[in-house]
Amino acid sequence: MRFLMMTTDDGSAPAGPPDEKLQTEMGRFIEEMSRSGALLATGGLEPGGTRIKSSGGKVTVLDGPFAEAKETVVGFALIEVGTREEAIELSKRFWAIIGDGEGVIQQVFGPEDLPGQ
């Protein structure tokens, strides 16, 4: 089962780059998940980005930053594990390293999840 674990910007993250201890711990965690095959991709996301909206056949493109960006996704990890509980446990380990913050875990469905596949 694949899950997308997303970190949102709730305003609690400290300003500036992470300290060396945090970088080392996160590096070990990422290396362990990569070796086990659980981590498929990870990264940070640009602030704001571009929003696409389709309504009534008209497509509108808006460039950020956006005033309501308080809960914008700022980082992600795509993982493959056996159960949702395993995804939650990996997320708990992530937050134990990072500290305060918020995130979302959502299962990712692909073509193999369609009926008859």
N, C-alpha and C. Protein backbone atom coordinates (compact mmCIF):
# COMPACT_ATOMS: atom_id res chain seq x y z
N MET A 1 0.85 -1.17 0.00
CA MET A 1 0.00 0.00 0.00
C MET A 1 0.90 1.24 0.00
N ARG A 2 0.52 2.19 -0.83
CA ARG A 2 1.29 3.44 -0.89
C ARG A 2 0.55 4.54 -0.13
N PHE A 3 1.34 5.36 0.54
CA PHE A 3 0.79 6.49 1.29
C PHE A 3 1.62 7.72 1.00
N LEU A 4 0.94 8.85 0.94
CA LEU A 4 1.59 10.14 0.81
C LEU A 4 1.52 10.80 2.18
N MET A 5 2.66 11.01 2.79
CA MET A 5 2.74 11.69 4.07
C MET A 5 3.14 13.13 3.77
N MET A 6 2.30 14.07 4.18
CA MET A 6 2.55 15.47 3.87
C MET A 6 2.72 16.28 5.15
N THR A 7 3.66 17.20 5.12
CA THR A 7 3.88 18.13 6.21
C THR A 7 3.25 19.45 5.80
N THR A 8 2.45 20.01 6.69
CA THR A 8 1.80 21.29 6.39
C THR A 8 2.46 22.41 7.19
N ASP A 9 2.33 23.61 6.70
CA ASP A 9 2.87 24.79 7.37
C ASP A 9 1.82 25.34 8.31
N ASP A 10 1.93 24.97 9.58
CA ASP A 10 0.97 25.46 10.57
C ASP A 10 1.52 26.64 11.36
N GLY A 11 2.69 27.14 10.94
CA GLY A 11 3.29 28.29 11.60
C GLY A 11 4.16 27.95 12.80
N SER A 12 4.29 26.65 13.15
CA SER A 12 5.04 26.29 14.35
C SER A 12 6.52 25.98 14.06
N ALA A 13 6.88 25.85 12.81
CA ALA A 13 8.26 25.51 12.48
C ALA A 13 9.18 26.68 12.78
N PRO A 14 10.35 26.40 13.37
CA PRO A 14 11.29 27.48 13.65
C PRO A 14 11.87 28.05 12.35
N ALA A 15 12.18 29.32 12.39
CA ALA A 15 12.77 29.97 11.21
C ALA A 15 14.22 29.53 11.07
N GLY A 16 14.69 29.50 9.86
CA GLY A 16 16.09 29.16 9.61
C GLY A 16 16.29 27.68 9.37
N PRO A 17 17.53 27.34 9.02
CA PRO A 17 17.84 25.94 8.72
C PRO A 17 17.84 25.08 9.98
N PRO A 18 17.58 23.77 9.83
CA PRO A 18 17.61 22.87 10.98
C PRO A 18 19.02 22.73 11.54
N ASP A 19 19.14 22.43 12.82
CA ASP A 19 20.47 22.27 13.42
C ASP A 19 21.10 20.96 12.96
N GLU A 20 22.39 20.82 13.26
CA GLU A 20 23.15 19.66 12.78
C GLU A 20 22.62 18.34 13.34
N LYS A 21 22.21 18.32 14.61
CA LYS A 21 21.68 17.10 15.23
C LYS A 21 20.43 16.64 14.49
N LEU A 22 19.52 17.56 14.21
CA LEU A 22 18.28 17.21 13.50
C LEU A 22 18.60 16.69 12.10
N GLN A 23 19.51 17.34 11.42
CA GLN A 23 19.89 16.90 10.07
C GLN A 23 20.47 15.48 10.11
N THR A 24 21.29 15.20 11.11
CA THR A 24 21.90 13.87 11.24
C THR A 24 20.83 12.81 11.51
N GLU A 25 19.94 13.08 12.46
CA GLU A 25 18.88 12.12 12.78
C GLU A 25 17.97 11.88 11.59
N MET A 26 17.59 12.94 10.89
CA MET A 26 16.71 12.80 9.73
C MET A 26 17.43 12.05 8.62
N GLY A 27 18.70 12.31 8.44
CA GLY A 27 19.49 11.59 7.44
C GLY A 27 19.50 10.09 7.69
N ARG A 28 19.67 9.71 8.97
CA ARG A 28 19.65 8.28 9.33
C ARG A 28 18.28 7.66 9.06
N PHE A 29 17.23 8.39 9.43
CA PHE A 29 15.87 7.91 9.24
C PHE A 29 15.57 7.71 7.75
N ILE A 30 15.94 8.67 6.93
CA ILE A 30 15.72 8.58 5.48
C ILE A 30 16.52 7.42 4.90
N GLU A 31 17.77 7.26 5.34
CA GLU A 31 18.60 6.17 4.86
C GLU A 31 18.00 4.81 5.23
N GLU A 32 17.52 4.68 6.46
CA GLU A 32 16.90 3.43 6.90
C GLU A 32 15.65 3.12 6.08
N MET A 33 14.80 4.10 5.86
CA MET A 33 13.58 3.88 5.06
C MET A 33 13.92 3.56 3.61
N SER A 34 14.95 4.18 3.07
CA SER A 34 15.36 3.91 1.69
C SER A 34 15.88 2.49 1.56
N ARG A 35 16.74 2.08 2.50
CA ARG A 35 17.30 0.71 2.46
C ARG A 35 16.21 -0.35 2.57
N SER A 36 15.19 -0.09 3.38
CA SER A 36 14.12 -1.08 3.56
C SER A 36 13.16 -1.11 2.38
N GLY A 37 13.23 -0.11 1.50
CA GLY A 37 12.33 -0.04 0.35
C GLY A 37 11.03 0.68 0.64
N ALA A 38 10.86 1.16 1.88
CA ALA A 38 9.61 1.85 2.24
C ALA A 38 9.54 3.24 1.62
N LEU A 39 10.66 3.94 1.53
CA LEU A 39 10.66 5.31 1.01
C LEU A 39 10.83 5.31 -0.50
N LEU A 40 9.82 5.82 -1.20
CA LEU A 40 9.87 5.88 -2.67
C LEU A 40 10.34 7.25 -3.16
N ALA A 41 9.95 8.31 -2.44
CA ALA A 41 10.35 9.67 -2.82
C ALA A 41 10.10 10.59 -1.63
N THR A 42 10.88 11.65 -1.53
CA THR A 42 10.67 12.65 -0.48
C THR A 42 11.21 13.99 -0.96
N GLY A 43 10.71 15.05 -0.37
CA GLY A 43 11.22 16.36 -0.73
C GLY A 43 10.43 17.49 -0.11
N GLY A 44 10.99 18.68 -0.23
CA GLY A 44 10.31 19.89 0.19
C GLY A 44 9.64 20.53 -1.01
N LEU A 45 8.69 21.37 -0.76
CA LEU A 45 7.94 22.01 -1.84
C LEU A 45 8.09 23.52 -1.77
N GLU A 46 8.10 24.16 -2.94
CA GLU A 46 8.22 25.61 -2.99
C GLU A 46 7.02 26.27 -2.29
N PRO A 47 7.25 27.39 -1.65
CA PRO A 47 6.13 28.09 -1.02
C PRO A 47 5.17 28.64 -2.08
N GLY A 48 3.90 28.49 -1.84
CA GLY A 48 2.91 29.08 -2.76
C GLY A 48 2.60 28.21 -3.94
N GLY A 49 3.52 28.13 -4.87
CA GLY A 49 3.29 27.35 -6.08
C GLY A 49 2.32 28.02 -7.02
N THR A 50 1.69 27.23 -7.85
CA THR A 50 0.70 27.70 -8.84
C THR A 50 -0.57 26.90 -8.65
N ARG A 51 -1.68 27.59 -8.61
CA ARG A 51 -2.97 26.92 -8.47
C ARG A 51 -3.68 26.91 -9.82
N ILE A 52 -4.30 25.79 -10.12
CA ILE A 52 -5.07 25.61 -11.35
C ILE A 52 -6.52 25.36 -10.95
N LYS A 53 -7.43 26.09 -11.57
CA LYS A 53 -8.86 25.90 -11.27
C LYS A 53 -9.61 25.78 -12.59
N SER A 54 -10.47 24.76 -12.67
CA SER A 54 -11.31 24.57 -13.84
C SER A 54 -12.76 24.69 -13.40
N SER A 55 -13.49 25.58 -14.07
CA SER A 55 -14.89 25.80 -13.72
C SER A 55 -15.65 26.20 -14.98
N GLY A 56 -16.69 25.44 -15.29
CA GLY A 56 -17.51 25.77 -16.45
C GLY A 56 -16.75 25.79 -17.76
N GLY A 57 -15.74 24.94 -17.88
CA GLY A 57 -14.96 24.87 -19.12
C GLY A 57 -13.85 25.90 -19.21
N LYS A 58 -13.71 26.79 -18.21
CA LYS A 58 -12.65 27.80 -18.20
C LYS A 58 -11.59 27.40 -17.18
N VAL A 59 -10.33 27.46 -17.59
CA VAL A 59 -9.22 27.13 -16.71
C VAL A 59 -8.53 28.42 -16.30
N THR A 60 -8.36 28.58 -14.99
CA THR A 60 -7.71 29.77 -14.44
C THR A 60 -6.41 29.34 -13.77
N VAL A 61 -5.36 30.11 -13.98
CA VAL A 61 -4.05 29.84 -13.39
C VAL A 61 -3.71 31.01 -12.46
N LEU A 62 -3.41 30.67 -11.19
CA LEU A 62 -3.04 31.68 -10.20
C LEU A 62 -1.68 31.33 -9.60
N ASP A 63 -0.76 32.30 -9.59
CA ASP A 63 0.54 32.09 -8.98
C ASP A 63 0.52 32.54 -7.53
N GLY A 64 1.21 31.79 -6.65
CA GLY A 64 1.30 32.13 -5.23
C GLY A 64 2.34 33.20 -5.01
N PRO A 65 2.56 33.62 -3.79
CA PRO A 65 2.02 33.05 -2.57
C PRO A 65 0.56 33.46 -2.35
N PHE A 66 -0.11 32.71 -1.49
CA PHE A 66 -1.52 32.94 -1.23
C PHE A 66 -1.71 33.31 0.23
N ALA A 67 -2.62 34.22 0.49
CA ALA A 67 -2.87 34.70 1.85
C ALA A 67 -3.31 33.58 2.78
N GLU A 68 -4.09 32.63 2.27
CA GLU A 68 -4.60 31.54 3.10
C GLU A 68 -3.69 30.32 3.08
N ALA A 69 -2.40 30.54 2.92
CA ALA A 69 -1.44 29.44 2.78
C ALA A 69 -1.04 28.82 4.11
N LYS A 70 -1.75 29.10 5.19
CA LYS A 70 -1.40 28.60 6.51
C LYS A 70 -1.27 27.08 6.56
N GLU A 71 -2.11 26.38 5.83
CA GLU A 71 -2.06 24.92 5.86
C GLU A 71 -1.52 24.33 4.56
N THR A 72 -0.69 25.07 3.88
CA THR A 72 -0.10 24.62 2.63
C THR A 72 0.86 23.48 2.88
N VAL A 73 0.88 22.50 1.99
CA VAL A 73 1.83 21.39 2.09
C VAL A 73 3.22 21.91 1.73
N VAL A 74 4.19 21.67 2.62
CA VAL A 74 5.54 22.18 2.41
C VAL A 74 6.58 21.06 2.25
N GLY A 75 6.17 19.82 2.50
CA GLY A 75 7.07 18.69 2.33
C GLY A 75 6.26 17.41 2.21
N PHE A 76 6.90 16.37 1.66
CA PHE A 76 6.18 15.12 1.46
C PHE A 76 7.13 13.94 1.49
N ALA A 77 6.56 12.77 1.74
CA ALA A 77 7.26 11.50 1.57
C ALA A 77 6.25 10.52 0.99
N LEU A 78 6.62 9.87 -0.09
CA LEU A 78 5.81 8.82 -0.69
C LEU A 78 6.41 7.50 -0.20
N ILE A 79 5.59 6.71 0.51
CA ILE A 79 6.09 5.47 1.09
C ILE A 79 5.27 4.28 0.62
N GLU A 80 5.87 3.11 0.71
CA GLU A 80 5.15 1.87 0.42
C GLU A 80 5.35 0.93 1.60
N VAL A 81 4.24 0.63 2.27
CA VAL A 81 4.26 -0.22 3.45
C VAL A 81 3.08 -1.19 3.38
N GLY A 82 3.00 -2.12 4.31
CA GLY A 82 1.94 -3.12 4.28
C GLY A 82 0.58 -2.65 4.77
N THR A 83 0.58 -1.69 5.71
CA THR A 83 -0.69 -1.27 6.30
C THR A 83 -0.67 0.22 6.62
N ARG A 84 -1.86 0.77 6.85
CA ARG A 84 -1.97 2.16 7.29
C ARG A 84 -1.27 2.35 8.64
N GLU A 85 -1.37 1.35 9.51
CA GLU A 85 -0.73 1.43 10.81
C GLU A 85 0.78 1.60 10.69
N GLU A 86 1.39 0.91 9.71
CA GLU A 86 2.83 1.08 9.47
C GLU A 86 3.13 2.50 9.02
N ALA A 87 2.28 3.06 8.17
CA ALA A 87 2.47 4.45 7.72
C ALA A 87 2.39 5.40 8.90
N ILE A 88 1.45 5.16 9.79
CA ILE A 88 1.29 6.01 10.97
C ILE A 88 2.52 5.90 11.87
N GLU A 89 3.04 4.69 12.04
CA GLU A 89 4.23 4.52 12.87
C GLU A 89 5.43 5.26 12.29
N LEU A 90 5.61 5.20 10.96
CA LEU A 90 6.71 5.94 10.32
C LEU A 90 6.51 7.44 10.51
N SER A 91 5.27 7.89 10.41
CA SER A 91 4.98 9.31 10.61
C SER A 91 5.30 9.72 12.05
N LYS A 92 4.95 8.88 13.01
CA LYS A 92 5.26 9.16 14.42
C LYS A 92 6.77 9.29 14.62
N ARG A 93 7.54 8.42 13.97
CA ARG A 93 9.01 8.50 14.07
C ARG A 93 9.52 9.80 13.47
N PHE A 94 8.94 10.20 12.33
CA PHE A 94 9.31 11.47 11.69
C PHE A 94 9.08 12.63 12.66
N TRP A 95 7.88 12.68 13.26
CA TRP A 95 7.54 13.80 14.16
C TRP A 95 8.36 13.76 15.44
N ALA A 96 8.79 12.58 15.88
CA ALA A 96 9.66 12.49 17.05
C ALA A 96 11.01 13.16 16.76
N ILE A 97 11.45 13.12 15.51
CA ILE A 97 12.70 13.76 15.12
C ILE A 97 12.49 15.26 14.91
N ILE A 98 11.46 15.62 14.17
CA ILE A 98 11.22 17.01 13.78
C ILE A 98 10.73 17.88 14.93
N GLY A 99 9.84 17.34 15.75
CA GLY A 99 9.26 18.15 16.82
C GLY A 99 7.86 18.60 16.45
N ASP A 100 7.49 19.78 16.90
CA ASP A 100 6.14 20.29 16.70
C ASP A 100 5.80 20.48 15.22
N GLY A 101 4.54 20.29 14.88
CA GLY A 101 4.08 20.49 13.51
C GLY A 101 2.83 19.68 13.24
N GLU A 102 2.38 19.74 12.01
CA GLU A 102 1.19 19.01 11.59
C GLU A 102 1.42 18.40 10.23
N GLY A 103 0.66 17.35 9.95
CA GLY A 103 0.75 16.71 8.66
C GLY A 103 -0.49 15.89 8.36
N VAL A 104 -0.48 15.29 7.19
CA VAL A 104 -1.60 14.49 6.72
C VAL A 104 -1.03 13.22 6.09
N ILE A 105 -1.71 12.10 6.30
CA ILE A 105 -1.34 10.83 5.64
C ILE A 105 -2.54 10.41 4.81
N GLN A 106 -2.31 10.19 3.51
CA GLN A 106 -3.39 9.73 2.64
C GLN A 106 -2.90 8.55 1.81
N GLN A 107 -3.77 7.54 1.68
CA GLN A 107 -3.43 6.41 0.83
C GLN A 107 -3.46 6.86 -0.62
N VAL A 108 -2.50 6.36 -1.39
CA VAL A 108 -2.40 6.67 -2.81
C VAL A 108 -2.92 5.46 -3.59
N PHE A 109 -3.87 5.69 -4.46
CA PHE A 109 -4.42 4.63 -5.28
C PHE A 109 -3.86 4.75 -6.69
N GLY A 110 -3.59 3.64 -7.32
CA GLY A 110 -3.07 3.62 -8.68
C GLY A 110 -3.92 2.73 -9.56
N PRO A 111 -3.49 2.55 -10.81
CA PRO A 111 -4.25 1.72 -11.75
C PRO A 111 -4.48 0.31 -11.24
N GLU A 112 -3.53 -0.21 -10.44
CA GLU A 112 -3.67 -1.57 -9.93
C GLU A 112 -4.80 -1.69 -8.91
N ASP A 113 -5.31 -0.55 -8.41
CA ASP A 113 -6.39 -0.56 -7.43
C ASP A 113 -7.77 -0.49 -8.07
N LEU A 114 -7.82 -0.38 -9.39
CA LEU A 114 -9.11 -0.32 -10.08
C LEU A 114 -9.74 -1.70 -10.14
N PRO A 115 -11.06 -1.76 -10.11
CA PRO A 115 -11.74 -3.08 -10.21
C PRO A 115 -11.34 -3.79 -11.50
N GLY A 116 -11.12 -5.10 -11.38
CA GLY A 116 -10.78 -5.90 -12.54
C GLY A 116 -9.31 -5.90 -12.90
N GLN A 117 -8.49 -5.23 -12.12
CA GLN A 117 -7.05 -5.16 -12.41
C GLN A 117 -6.28 -6.22 -11.68
